[in-house]
């Protein structure tokens, strides 16, 4: 299942997430700190989506109440909600 998630409160303005059988298959950030976001992308690929979301949720950037990793967790949560909606 895929989602194109529009972020809020970060330099990255969109995250595309693809999950296959509960595993993060692909993550792409648009905007933001290119090197850091490429690093996050490579670290989470192949990880269970729920575990990645748990680890990234609540990370802040400077004085902001969110961050690109936190927004990725929110995108994964939204995708999980959509998946549950299709299953039930």
N, C-alpha and C. Protein backbone atom coordinates (compact mmCIF):
# COMPACT_ATOMS: atom_id res chain seq x y z
N UNK A 1 0.84 -1.16 0.00
CA UNK A 1 0.00 0.00 0.00
C UNK A 1 0.90 1.23 0.00
N UNK A 2 0.45 2.28 -0.68
CA UNK A 2 1.25 3.51 -0.84
C UNK A 2 0.48 4.71 -0.31
N UNK A 3 1.24 5.73 0.08
CA UNK A 3 0.64 7.01 0.46
C UNK A 3 1.58 8.12 0.02
N UNK A 4 1.00 9.22 -0.45
CA UNK A 4 1.74 10.46 -0.68
C UNK A 4 1.26 11.38 0.44
N UNK A 5 2.11 11.62 1.42
CA UNK A 5 1.74 12.34 2.63
C UNK A 5 2.26 13.77 2.56
N UNK A 6 1.37 14.74 2.69
CA UNK A 6 1.76 16.14 2.73
C UNK A 6 2.13 16.49 4.17
N UNK A 7 3.37 16.92 4.36
CA UNK A 7 3.86 17.19 5.71
C UNK A 7 3.39 18.54 6.21
N UNK A 8 3.60 18.77 7.50
CA UNK A 8 3.25 20.03 8.13
C UNK A 8 4.34 20.40 9.13
N UNK A 9 4.86 21.62 9.03
CA UNK A 9 5.82 22.11 10.00
C UNK A 9 7.26 21.69 9.76
N UNK A 10 7.57 21.20 8.55
CA UNK A 10 8.94 20.78 8.24
C UNK A 10 9.39 21.37 6.91
N UNK A 11 10.67 21.29 6.66
CA UNK A 11 11.22 21.75 5.38
C UNK A 11 10.80 20.83 4.24
N UNK A 12 10.76 19.53 4.52
CA UNK A 12 10.23 18.59 3.52
C UNK A 12 8.74 18.86 3.39
N UNK A 13 8.24 18.84 2.18
CA UNK A 13 6.82 19.16 1.98
C UNK A 13 5.97 17.94 1.63
N UNK A 14 6.62 16.82 1.32
CA UNK A 14 5.88 15.61 0.99
C UNK A 14 6.76 14.39 1.24
N UNK A 15 6.10 13.29 1.64
CA UNK A 15 6.78 12.01 1.81
C UNK A 15 5.95 10.96 1.11
N UNK A 16 6.57 10.20 0.22
CA UNK A 16 5.91 9.05 -0.40
C UNK A 16 6.39 7.81 0.34
N UNK A 17 5.44 6.99 0.76
CA UNK A 17 5.75 5.79 1.54
C UNK A 17 5.09 4.59 0.88
N UNK A 18 5.85 3.51 0.73
CA UNK A 18 5.31 2.26 0.20
C UNK A 18 5.58 1.16 1.22
N UNK A 19 4.52 0.48 1.63
CA UNK A 19 4.62 -0.61 2.59
C UNK A 19 4.11 -1.88 1.93
N UNK A 20 4.89 -2.94 2.02
CA UNK A 20 4.49 -4.25 1.49
C UNK A 20 4.58 -5.27 2.62
N UNK A 21 3.47 -5.89 2.94
CA UNK A 21 3.41 -6.90 4.00
C UNK A 21 3.97 -6.37 5.32
N UNK A 22 3.65 -5.11 5.65
CA UNK A 22 4.08 -4.52 6.91
C UNK A 22 5.50 -4.02 6.93
N UNK A 23 6.21 -4.13 5.81
CA UNK A 23 7.62 -3.72 5.73
C UNK A 23 7.74 -2.48 4.85
N UNK A 24 8.55 -1.51 5.29
CA UNK A 24 8.79 -0.32 4.47
C UNK A 24 9.62 -0.71 3.24
N UNK A 25 8.99 -0.61 2.09
CA UNK A 25 9.65 -0.98 0.84
C UNK A 25 10.32 0.22 0.19
N UNK A 26 9.73 1.40 0.35
CA UNK A 26 10.31 2.60 -0.25
C UNK A 26 9.81 3.83 0.49
N UNK A 27 10.70 4.80 0.67
CA UNK A 27 10.38 6.08 1.29
C UNK A 27 11.09 7.15 0.48
N UNK A 28 10.36 8.20 0.11
CA UNK A 28 10.97 9.32 -0.63
C UNK A 28 10.49 10.63 -0.02
N UNK A 29 11.46 11.46 0.36
CA UNK A 29 11.16 12.79 0.88
C UNK A 29 11.34 13.80 -0.24
N UNK A 30 10.52 14.84 -0.23
CA UNK A 30 10.63 15.95 -1.19
C UNK A 30 10.87 17.22 -0.39
N UNK A 31 11.97 17.90 -0.69
CA UNK A 31 12.38 19.06 0.08
C UNK A 31 13.18 18.59 1.29
N UNK A 32 13.51 19.50 2.15
CA UNK A 32 14.22 19.15 3.38
C UNK A 32 15.72 18.98 3.18
N UNK A 33 16.37 18.46 4.20
CA UNK A 33 17.83 18.27 4.22
C UNK A 33 18.17 16.99 3.47
N UNK A 34 18.59 17.13 2.24
CA UNK A 34 18.78 16.01 1.33
C UNK A 34 19.60 14.86 1.91
N UNK A 35 20.77 15.13 2.42
CA UNK A 35 21.63 14.07 2.92
C UNK A 35 21.02 13.36 4.12
N UNK A 36 20.51 14.11 5.07
CA UNK A 36 19.91 13.51 6.26
C UNK A 36 18.70 12.65 5.89
N UNK A 37 17.88 13.14 4.98
CA UNK A 37 16.68 12.40 4.62
C UNK A 37 17.01 11.16 3.79
N UNK A 38 18.06 11.24 2.98
CA UNK A 38 18.51 10.03 2.28
C UNK A 38 18.98 8.99 3.29
N UNK A 39 19.67 9.46 4.33
CA UNK A 39 20.14 8.55 5.38
C UNK A 39 19.00 7.89 6.11
N UNK A 40 17.99 8.68 6.50
CA UNK A 40 16.82 8.11 7.18
C UNK A 40 16.14 7.10 6.28
N UNK A 41 15.99 7.44 5.01
CA UNK A 41 15.35 6.54 4.05
C UNK A 41 16.06 5.20 4.00
N UNK A 42 17.38 5.20 3.91
CA UNK A 42 18.13 3.96 3.83
C UNK A 42 18.06 3.16 5.13
N UNK A 43 18.01 3.87 6.26
CA UNK A 43 17.94 3.18 7.55
C UNK A 43 16.61 2.48 7.77
N UNK A 44 15.51 3.07 7.28
CA UNK A 44 14.20 2.48 7.55
C UNK A 44 13.75 1.46 6.50
N UNK A 45 14.34 1.49 5.30
CA UNK A 45 13.96 0.51 4.28
C UNK A 45 14.20 -0.89 4.80
N UNK A 46 13.20 -1.75 4.64
CA UNK A 46 13.30 -3.12 5.11
C UNK A 46 12.88 -3.31 6.56
N UNK A 47 12.60 -2.20 7.25
CA UNK A 47 12.18 -2.24 8.65
C UNK A 47 10.66 -2.42 8.71
N UNK A 48 10.18 -3.05 9.77
CA UNK A 48 8.74 -3.12 9.98
C UNK A 48 8.22 -1.69 10.12
N UNK A 49 7.16 -1.37 9.42
CA UNK A 49 6.62 -0.02 9.41
C UNK A 49 6.22 0.43 10.80
N UNK A 50 5.59 -0.44 11.58
CA UNK A 50 5.16 -0.05 12.92
C UNK A 50 6.35 0.23 13.83
N UNK A 51 7.43 -0.52 13.68
CA UNK A 51 8.63 -0.28 14.49
C UNK A 51 9.28 1.05 14.11
N UNK A 52 9.37 1.33 12.82
CA UNK A 52 9.94 2.60 12.38
C UNK A 52 9.12 3.76 12.93
N UNK A 53 7.80 3.67 12.83
CA UNK A 53 6.94 4.75 13.33
C UNK A 53 7.14 4.95 14.82
N UNK A 54 7.23 3.86 15.56
CA UNK A 54 7.42 3.95 17.01
C UNK A 54 8.74 4.64 17.35
N UNK A 55 9.79 4.31 16.63
CA UNK A 55 11.11 4.90 16.89
C UNK A 55 11.17 6.38 16.51
N UNK A 56 10.46 6.77 15.45
CA UNK A 56 10.58 8.13 14.92
C UNK A 56 9.56 9.11 15.51
N UNK A 57 8.45 8.58 16.02
CA UNK A 57 7.37 9.42 16.53
C UNK A 57 7.87 10.31 17.67
N UNK A 58 7.55 11.60 17.57
CA UNK A 58 7.86 12.54 18.65
C UNK A 58 9.21 13.23 18.54
N UNK A 59 10.03 12.87 17.55
CA UNK A 59 11.31 13.55 17.37
C UNK A 59 11.03 14.98 16.93
N UNK A 60 11.74 15.90 17.56
CA UNK A 60 11.55 17.32 17.24
C UNK A 60 12.77 17.86 16.51
N UNK A 61 12.57 18.94 15.75
CA UNK A 61 13.66 19.60 15.03
C UNK A 61 13.79 21.01 15.58
N UNK A 62 14.89 21.25 16.29
CA UNK A 62 15.07 22.56 16.90
C UNK A 62 13.91 22.86 17.84
N UNK A 63 13.33 24.04 17.69
CA UNK A 63 12.20 24.43 18.52
C UNK A 63 10.85 24.01 17.96
N UNK A 64 10.86 23.33 16.83
CA UNK A 64 9.60 22.91 16.20
C UNK A 64 8.99 21.73 16.96
N UNK A 65 7.68 21.61 16.95
CA UNK A 65 7.04 20.49 17.64
C UNK A 65 7.07 19.19 16.83
N UNK A 66 7.68 19.21 15.66
CA UNK A 66 7.75 18.03 14.79
C UNK A 66 9.08 18.03 14.05
N UNK A 67 9.29 17.04 13.20
CA UNK A 67 10.50 16.93 12.40
C UNK A 67 10.17 16.06 11.20
N UNK A 68 11.10 15.93 10.28
CA UNK A 68 10.88 15.03 9.14
C UNK A 68 10.71 13.58 9.61
N UNK A 69 11.53 13.09 10.56
CA UNK A 69 11.30 11.73 11.04
C UNK A 69 9.91 11.57 11.69
N UNK A 70 9.48 12.56 12.47
CA UNK A 70 8.16 12.53 13.09
C UNK A 70 7.07 12.53 12.03
N UNK A 71 7.26 13.32 10.98
CA UNK A 71 6.28 13.35 9.89
C UNK A 71 6.22 12.02 9.16
N UNK A 72 7.37 11.32 9.05
CA UNK A 72 7.37 9.99 8.46
C UNK A 72 6.55 9.04 9.34
N UNK A 73 6.71 9.14 10.65
CA UNK A 73 5.91 8.32 11.56
C UNK A 73 4.42 8.60 11.36
N UNK A 74 4.05 9.86 11.20
CA UNK A 74 2.65 10.22 10.97
C UNK A 74 2.15 9.67 9.64
N UNK A 75 3.00 9.69 8.62
CA UNK A 75 2.61 9.14 7.31
C UNK A 75 2.36 7.63 7.44
N UNK A 76 3.23 6.94 8.17
CA UNK A 76 3.07 5.50 8.39
C UNK A 76 1.78 5.24 9.16
N UNK A 77 1.52 6.06 10.19
CA UNK A 77 0.28 5.91 10.96
C UNK A 77 -0.94 6.09 10.06
N UNK A 78 -0.91 7.10 9.20
CA UNK A 78 -2.03 7.35 8.29
C UNK A 78 -2.22 6.18 7.34
N UNK A 79 -1.13 5.65 6.84
CA UNK A 79 -1.19 4.49 5.95
C UNK A 79 -1.78 3.28 6.68
N UNK A 80 -1.38 3.09 7.93
CA UNK A 80 -1.91 1.98 8.73
C UNK A 80 -3.41 2.15 8.96
N UNK A 81 -3.85 3.38 9.21
CA UNK A 81 -5.28 3.65 9.38
C UNK A 81 -6.05 3.31 8.11
N UNK A 82 -5.49 3.70 6.96
CA UNK A 82 -6.14 3.38 5.68
C UNK A 82 -6.21 1.88 5.47
N UNK A 83 -5.12 1.18 5.84
CA UNK A 83 -5.08 -0.27 5.68
C UNK A 83 -6.16 -0.92 6.54
N UNK A 84 -6.28 -0.49 7.79
CA UNK A 84 -7.30 -1.04 8.69
C UNK A 84 -8.69 -0.78 8.14
N UNK A 85 -8.89 0.39 7.51
CA UNK A 85 -10.17 0.73 6.91
C UNK A 85 -10.54 -0.19 5.77
N UNK A 86 -9.54 -0.64 5.01
CA UNK A 86 -9.79 -1.56 3.89
C UNK A 86 -10.01 -2.98 4.38
N UNK A 87 -9.39 -3.31 5.52
CA UNK A 87 -9.51 -4.67 6.04
C UNK A 87 -10.83 -4.91 6.77
N UNK A 88 -11.39 -3.84 7.32
CA UNK A 88 -12.56 -4.04 8.17
C UNK A 88 -13.72 -3.39 7.62
